C-alpha atoms as a PDB file:
ATOM      1  CA  MET A   1      -9.836   8.380 -11.026  1.00  0.00           C
ATOM      2  CA  THR A   2     -11.256   5.037 -12.163  1.00  0.00           C
ATOM      3  CA  ASP A   3     -11.832   2.146  -9.770  1.00  0.00           C
ATOM      4  CA  LYS A   4      -9.175   0.180 -11.642  1.00  0.00           C
ATOM      5  CA  ALA A   5      -6.606   2.957 -11.131  1.00  0.00           C
ATOM      6  CA  LEU A   6      -7.542   3.268  -7.446  1.00  0.00           C
ATOM      7  CA  LEU A   7      -7.130  -0.471  -6.928  1.00  0.00           C
ATOM      8  CA  GLU A   8      -3.807  -0.567  -8.767  1.00  0.00           C
ATOM      9  CA  LEU A   9      -2.376   2.229  -6.614  1.00  0.00           C
ATOM     10  CA  ALA A  10      -3.805   0.750  -3.395  1.00  0.00           C
ATOM     11  CA  ALA A  11      -2.317  -2.638  -4.277  1.00  0.00           C
ATOM     12  CA  LYS A  12       1.050  -0.991  -4.909  1.00  0.00           C
ATOM     13  CA  ALA A  13       0.921   0.616  -1.466  1.00  0.00           C
ATOM     14  CA  ALA A  14       0.133  -2.779   0.086  1.00  0.00           C
ATOM     15  CA  GLY A  15       2.882  -4.559  -1.823  1.00  0.00           C
ATOM     16  CA  ILE A  16       0.425  -6.625  -3.883  1.00  0.00           C
ATOM     17  CA  GLU A  17       1.078  -7.369  -7.539  1.00  0.00           C
ATOM     18  CA  LEU A  18      -2.472  -6.903  -8.767  1.00  0.00           C
ATOM     19  CA  LEU A  19      -3.640  -8.742 -11.856  1.00  0.00           C
ATOM     20  CA  PHE A  20      -7.005  -8.468 -13.544  1.00  0.00           C
ATOM     21  CA  GLU A  21      -9.175 -10.247 -16.047  1.00  0.00           C
ATOM     22  CA  GLU A  22     -12.094  -8.792 -17.959  1.00  0.00           C
ATOM     23  CA  MET A  23     -15.132 -11.026 -17.683  1.00  0.00           C
ATOM     24  CA  LYS A  24     -17.666 -11.709 -20.450  1.00  0.00           C
ATOM     25  CA  ASP A  25     -20.221  -9.449 -18.747  1.00  0.00           C
ATOM     26  CA  GLY A  26     -17.781  -6.520 -18.845  1.00  0.00           C
ATOM     27  CA  SER A  27     -16.909  -6.645 -15.146  1.00  0.00           C
ATOM     28  CA  ILE A  28     -13.307  -6.931 -14.026  1.00  0.00           C
ATOM     29  CA  TYR A  29     -11.993  -9.651 -11.721  1.00  0.00           C
ATOM     30  CA  TYR A  30      -9.013  -8.473  -9.650  1.00  0.00           C
ATOM     31  CA  TYR A  31      -6.654 -11.002  -8.101  1.00  0.00           C
ATOM     32  CA  TYR A  32      -3.107 -11.713  -7.037  1.00  0.00           C
ATOM     33  CA  LYS A  33      -1.029 -14.863  -7.068  1.00  0.00           C
ATOM     34  CA  ILE A  34      -0.370 -16.946  -4.005  1.00  0.00           C
ATOM     35  CA  PRO A  35       1.747 -20.108  -4.069  1.00  0.00           C
ATOM     36  CA  GLY A  36      -0.046 -22.617  -6.273  1.00  0.00           C
ATOM     37  CA  ASP A  37      -3.208 -20.520  -6.713  1.00  0.00           C
ATOM     38  CA  THR A  38      -4.699 -17.050  -7.016  1.00  0.00           C
ATOM     39  CA  GLN A  39      -6.678 -14.948  -4.552  1.00  0.00           C
ATOM     40  CA  GLY A  40      -9.429 -12.503  -5.478  1.00  0.00           C
ATOM     41  CA  TRP A  41      -8.889  -8.984  -4.165  1.00  0.00           C
ATOM     42  CA  ASN A  42     -11.221  -6.012  -4.354  1.00  0.00           C
ATOM     43  CA  PRO A  43     -11.379  -3.819  -1.255  1.00  0.00           C
ATOM     44  CA  LEU A  44     -13.954  -1.591  -2.973  1.00  0.00           C
ATOM     45  CA  ASN A  45     -16.419  -4.500  -2.751  1.00  0.00           C
ATOM     46  CA  SER A  46     -15.063  -6.646   0.067  1.00  0.00           C
ATOM     47  CA  ASP A  47     -15.238  -5.554   3.707  1.00  0.00           C
ATOM     48  CA  SER A  48     -12.523  -8.050   4.660  1.00  0.00           C
ATOM     49  CA  ASP A  49     -10.144  -6.884   1.904  1.00  0.00           C
ATOM     50  CA  ALA A  50     -10.723  -3.246   2.909  1.00  0.00           C
ATOM     51  CA  LEU A  51     -10.118  -4.001   6.587  1.00  0.00           C
ATOM     52  CA  ARG A  52      -6.913  -5.900   5.799  1.00  0.00           C
ATOM     53  CA  LEU A  53      -5.751  -2.976   3.644  1.00  0.00           C
ATOM     54  CA  ALA A  54      -6.502  -0.464   6.419  1.00  0.00           C
ATOM     55  CA  VAL A  55      -4.647  -2.561   8.995  1.00  0.00           C
ATOM     56  CA  LYS A  56      -1.641  -3.223   6.753  1.00  0.00           C
ATOM     57  CA  LEU A  57      -1.252   0.477   5.896  1.00  0.00           C
ATOM     58  CA  GLU A  58      -2.267   1.718   9.374  1.00  0.00           C
ATOM     59  CA  ILE A  59      -5.165   3.782   8.062  1.00  0.00           C
ATOM     60  CA  ASP A  60      -7.401   5.332  10.715  1.00  0.00           C
ATOM     61  CA  VAL A  61     -11.127   5.442   9.946  1.00  0.00           C
ATOM     62  CA  ASN A  62     -13.500   7.892  11.648  1.00  0.00           C
ATOM     63  CA  PHE A  63     -17.158   8.783  11.175  1.00  0.00           C
ATOM     64  CA  ASN A  64     -19.263  11.901  11.509  1.00  0.00           C
ATOM     65  CA  ASP A  65     -22.921  10.931  11.787  1.00  0.00           C
ATOM     66  CA  VAL A  66     -24.101  14.539  11.593  1.00  0.00           C
ATOM     67  CA  LYS A  67     -22.379  15.157   8.254  1.00  0.00           C
ATOM     68  CA  LYS A  68     -22.860  11.528   7.072  1.00  0.00           C
ATOM     69  CA  ARG A  69     -19.163  11.309   6.168  1.00  0.00           C
ATOM     70  CA  VAL A  70     -16.326   8.909   6.776  1.00  0.00           C
ATOM     71  CA  TRP A  71     -12.663   9.950   6.999  1.00  0.00           C
ATOM     72  CA  ALA A  72      -9.688   7.706   6.227  1.00  0.00           C
ATOM     73  CA  GLU A  73      -6.180   8.811   7.084  1.00  0.00           C
ATOM     74  CA  PRO A  74      -2.863   6.972   7.393  1.00  0.00           C
ATOM     75  CA  GLN A  75      -1.621   7.252  10.985  1.00  0.00           C
ATOM     76  CA  TYR A  76       1.787   8.660  10.132  1.00  0.00           C
ATOM     77  CA  ILE A  77       1.037  10.877   7.125  1.00  0.00           C
ATOM     78  CA  ASN A  78      -0.704  14.158   7.874  1.00  0.00           C
ATOM     79  CA  GLU A  79       0.042  15.982   4.641  1.00  0.00           C
ATOM     80  CA  PRO A  80      -2.511  16.786   1.956  1.00  0.00           C
ATOM     81  CA  PRO A  81      -4.491  15.088   0.458  1.00  0.00           C
ATOM     82  CA  TYR A  82      -5.296  13.586   3.869  1.00  0.00           C
ATOM     83  CA  PRO A  83      -7.690  12.913   5.339  1.00  0.00           C
ATOM     84  CA  VAL A  84      -9.785  11.396   2.567  1.00  0.00           C
ATOM     85  CA  HIS A  85     -13.515  12.125   2.949  1.00  0.00           C
ATOM     86  CA  GLU A  86     -16.460  10.113   1.567  1.00  0.00           C
ATOM     87  CA  GLY A  87     -20.131  10.885   2.057  1.00  0.00           C
ATOM     88  CA  TYR A  88     -22.062   7.757   2.965  1.00  0.00           C
ATOM     89  CA  GLY A  89     -25.747   8.493   2.663  1.00  0.00           C
ATOM     90  CA  ASP A  90     -27.494   5.125   2.904  1.00  0.00           C
ATOM     91  CA  ASP A  91     -24.407   2.905   2.627  1.00  0.00           C
ATOM     92  CA  PRO A  92     -21.691   3.649   5.190  1.00  0.00           C
ATOM     93  CA  TYR A  93     -20.009   0.317   4.422  1.00  0.00           C
ATOM     94  CA  ALA A  94     -19.391   1.130   0.752  1.00  0.00           C
ATOM     95  CA  ALA A  95     -18.237   4.646   1.659  1.00  0.00           C
ATOM     96  CA  THR A  96     -15.830   3.268   4.259  1.00  0.00           C
ATOM     97  CA  ARG A  97     -14.342   0.796   1.801  1.00  0.00           C
ATOM     98  CA  ARG A  98     -13.920   3.521  -0.822  1.00  0.00           C
ATOM     99  CA  ALA A  99     -12.339   5.937   1.686  1.00  0.00           C
ATOM    100  CA  VAL A 100      -9.819   3.277   2.745  1.00  0.00           C
ATOM    101  CA  VAL A 101      -8.967   2.467  -0.892  1.00  0.00           C
ATOM    102  CA  ARG A 102      -8.615   6.159  -1.755  1.00  0.00           C
ATOM    103  CA  ALA A 103      -6.277   6.711   1.208  1.00  0.00           C
ATOM    104  CA  ALA A 104      -4.246   3.640   0.206  1.00  0.00           C
ATOM    105  CA  ALA A 105      -4.146   4.856  -3.398  1.00  0.00           C
ATOM    106  CA  GLU A 106      -2.662   8.161  -2.250  1.00  0.00           C
ATOM    107  CA  ILE A 107       0.064   6.232  -0.441  1.00  0.00           C
ATOM    108  CA  GLY A 108       0.665   4.245  -3.639  1.00  0.00           C
ATOM    109  CA  ARG A 109       0.756   7.435  -5.698  1.00  0.00           C
ATOM    110  CA  GLY A 110       3.459   8.776  -3.391  1.00  0.00           C
ATOM    111  CA  MET A 111       5.539   5.663  -4.124  1.00  0.00           C
ATOM    112  CA  GLU A 112       5.656   6.338  -7.891  1.00  0.00           C
END
């Protein structure tokens, strides 16, 4: 699944109407509207956005240092495909953000 698709489904789960704009360099800027302005939103890149998403959707995050993996799992949903696993190698922060977004995306997919 593409990052764009993951973010769209995660936003749906969080009740965010996600908009995006392709930039000249080919990157994509994700945002949502707030009264009188817009707010950037990309929990794949932003620790604060990922944490807010995890809190809003009550996603538990756990780590296994031996296996170098992070697990993300909504508190009240124990059906497959949960928990979501991500290996983290040298960047546990990026893996944690991605695991949270993937778990949120699965919630969003269930809302379709």
